[in-house]
Amino acid sequence: MATYKVAIIGSTGRGDYGHGLDAVWQKFEDCNVVAVADQDAAGLQKAVTRTGAATGYA
């Protein structure tokens, strides 16, 4: 089975991460969240923790 890499772009305070759509990727065994991006440092850290992303970008 193929494994897919997922990168998530969110905006804390401006739509956030789509009402939890960022965390839904953990339910797919063939998807791996590799990166999260957010302009807000606190929101970025929360998203990295929530999704298990290996990398965060501000």
N, C-alpha and C. Protein backbone atom coordinates (compact mmCIF):
# COMPACT_ATOMS: atom_id res chain seq x y z
N MET A 1 0.83 -1.17 0.00
CA MET A 1 0.00 0.00 0.00
C MET A 1 0.89 1.25 0.00
N ALA A 2 0.51 2.24 -0.76
CA ALA A 2 1.25 3.50 -0.84
C ALA A 2 1.04 4.30 0.44
N THR A 3 2.05 5.08 0.81
CA THR A 3 1.95 6.00 1.94
C THR A 3 2.03 7.42 1.40
N TYR A 4 1.14 8.27 1.87
CA TYR A 4 1.06 9.64 1.40
C TYR A 4 1.57 10.60 2.46
N LYS A 5 2.35 11.60 2.03
CA LYS A 5 2.84 12.64 2.92
C LYS A 5 1.87 13.81 2.85
N VAL A 6 1.50 14.33 4.02
CA VAL A 6 0.53 15.42 4.10
C VAL A 6 1.20 16.63 4.73
N ALA A 7 1.00 17.80 4.12
CA ALA A 7 1.42 19.08 4.69
C ALA A 7 0.15 19.91 4.91
N ILE A 8 0.06 20.55 6.06
CA ILE A 8 -1.14 21.30 6.42
C ILE A 8 -0.79 22.77 6.61
N ILE A 9 -1.57 23.64 5.98
CA ILE A 9 -1.42 25.08 6.16
C ILE A 9 -2.64 25.58 6.90
N GLY A 10 -2.41 26.20 8.05
CA GLY A 10 -3.50 26.75 8.85
C GLY A 10 -3.23 28.21 9.15
N SER A 11 -4.22 28.85 9.75
CA SER A 11 -4.09 30.26 10.09
C SER A 11 -4.80 30.52 11.41
N THR A 12 -4.07 30.46 12.50
CA THR A 12 -4.65 30.68 13.81
C THR A 12 -5.26 32.07 13.87
N GLY A 13 -6.53 32.12 14.27
CA GLY A 13 -7.22 33.40 14.37
C GLY A 13 -7.89 33.85 13.09
N ARG A 14 -7.65 33.15 11.99
CA ARG A 14 -8.24 33.50 10.69
C ARG A 14 -8.67 32.24 9.97
N GLY A 15 -9.57 31.52 10.56
CA GLY A 15 -10.02 30.27 9.95
C GLY A 15 -9.41 29.06 10.62
N ASP A 16 -8.38 29.30 11.40
CA ASP A 16 -7.70 28.24 12.13
C ASP A 16 -7.33 27.07 11.21
N TYR A 17 -7.77 25.89 11.56
CA TYR A 17 -7.42 24.70 10.78
C TYR A 17 -8.66 23.99 10.29
N GLY A 18 -9.69 24.73 9.98
CA GLY A 18 -10.90 24.13 9.40
C GLY A 18 -11.67 23.25 10.35
N HIS A 19 -11.88 23.70 11.59
CA HIS A 19 -12.69 22.98 12.57
C HIS A 19 -12.20 21.55 12.80
N GLY A 20 -10.89 21.38 12.91
CA GLY A 20 -10.34 20.07 13.22
C GLY A 20 -9.99 19.22 12.01
N LEU A 21 -10.09 19.79 10.82
CA LEU A 21 -9.76 19.01 9.63
C LEU A 21 -8.29 18.61 9.60
N ASP A 22 -7.45 19.32 10.33
CA ASP A 22 -6.03 18.96 10.37
C ASP A 22 -5.82 17.63 11.08
N ALA A 23 -6.58 17.37 12.13
CA ALA A 23 -6.40 16.15 12.91
C ALA A 23 -6.98 14.91 12.24
N VAL A 24 -7.86 15.10 11.27
CA VAL A 24 -8.50 13.96 10.62
C VAL A 24 -7.49 13.08 9.88
N TRP A 25 -6.37 13.64 9.47
CA TRP A 25 -5.36 12.87 8.72
C TRP A 25 -4.80 11.72 9.54
N GLN A 26 -4.84 11.82 10.86
CA GLN A 26 -4.34 10.75 11.71
C GLN A 26 -5.20 9.49 11.63
N LYS A 27 -6.41 9.61 11.13
CA LYS A 27 -7.31 8.47 11.01
C LYS A 27 -7.01 7.60 9.80
N PHE A 28 -6.20 8.11 8.89
CA PHE A 28 -5.85 7.37 7.68
C PHE A 28 -4.50 6.69 7.88
N GLU A 29 -4.48 5.38 7.84
CA GLU A 29 -3.24 4.64 8.06
C GLU A 29 -2.21 4.87 6.96
N ASP A 30 -2.67 5.26 5.78
CA ASP A 30 -1.74 5.45 4.66
C ASP A 30 -1.29 6.90 4.51
N CYS A 31 -1.58 7.76 5.50
CA CYS A 31 -1.18 9.17 5.46
C CYS A 31 -0.29 9.51 6.65
N ASN A 32 0.73 10.31 6.39
CA ASN A 32 1.67 10.73 7.41
C ASN A 32 1.80 12.25 7.34
N VAL A 33 1.43 12.95 8.41
CA VAL A 33 1.56 14.41 8.45
C VAL A 33 3.04 14.73 8.67
N VAL A 34 3.65 15.35 7.68
CA VAL A 34 5.08 15.63 7.76
C VAL A 34 5.38 17.09 8.09
N ALA A 35 4.41 18.00 7.85
CA ALA A 35 4.66 19.41 8.11
C ALA A 35 3.37 20.16 8.36
N VAL A 36 3.49 21.20 9.20
CA VAL A 36 2.39 22.12 9.47
C VAL A 36 2.95 23.53 9.35
N ALA A 37 2.14 24.44 8.80
CA ALA A 37 2.55 25.84 8.69
C ALA A 37 1.48 26.73 9.31
N ASP A 38 1.92 27.76 10.04
CA ASP A 38 1.02 28.73 10.65
C ASP A 38 1.84 29.97 10.95
N GLN A 39 1.27 31.16 10.76
CA GLN A 39 2.01 32.39 11.03
C GLN A 39 2.07 32.71 12.52
N ASP A 40 1.24 32.07 13.32
CA ASP A 40 1.18 32.29 14.76
C ASP A 40 1.99 31.20 15.48
N ALA A 41 3.02 31.59 16.22
CA ALA A 41 3.92 30.62 16.84
C ALA A 41 3.20 29.70 17.83
N ALA A 42 2.31 30.25 18.65
CA ALA A 42 1.59 29.43 19.63
C ALA A 42 0.64 28.47 18.92
N GLY A 43 -0.05 28.95 17.90
CA GLY A 43 -0.95 28.10 17.13
C GLY A 43 -0.19 27.01 16.40
N LEU A 44 0.98 27.35 15.90
CA LEU A 44 1.83 26.38 15.21
C LEU A 44 2.22 25.25 16.15
N GLN A 45 2.66 25.60 17.35
CA GLN A 45 3.08 24.57 18.30
C GLN A 45 1.92 23.66 18.67
N LYS A 46 0.74 24.22 18.85
CA LYS A 46 -0.44 23.40 19.17
C LYS A 46 -0.76 22.45 18.01
N ALA A 47 -0.65 22.94 16.79
CA ALA A 47 -0.95 22.11 15.62
C ALA A 47 0.07 21.00 15.45
N VAL A 48 1.34 21.29 15.69
CA VAL A 48 2.38 20.26 15.61
C VAL A 48 2.10 19.17 16.64
N THR A 49 1.75 19.57 17.85
CA THR A 49 1.43 18.60 18.90
C THR A 49 0.19 17.79 18.55
N ARG A 50 -0.84 18.47 18.07
CA ARG A 50 -2.12 17.82 17.76
C ARG A 50 -2.01 16.83 16.60
N THR A 51 -1.21 17.16 15.60
CA THR A 51 -1.13 16.33 14.40
C THR A 51 0.03 15.35 14.40
N GLY A 52 1.02 15.58 15.26
CA GLY A 52 2.20 14.73 15.26
C GLY A 52 3.15 15.04 14.11
N ALA A 53 3.03 16.23 13.55
CA ALA A 53 3.88 16.62 12.42
C ALA A 53 5.35 16.62 12.82
N ALA A 54 6.20 16.23 11.90
CA ALA A 54 7.64 16.21 12.16
C ALA A 54 8.25 17.60 12.11
N THR A 55 7.64 18.52 11.34
CA THR A 55 8.20 19.84 11.12
C THR A 55 7.11 20.90 11.18
N GLY A 56 7.46 22.07 11.71
CA GLY A 56 6.54 23.20 11.72
C GLY A 56 7.21 24.41 11.08
N TYR A 57 6.44 25.15 10.31
CA TYR A 57 6.95 26.35 9.63
C TYR A 57 6.09 27.54 10.00
N ALA A 58 6.74 28.66 10.33
CA ALA A 58 6.02 29.89 10.66
C ALA A 58 6.10 30.87 9.50
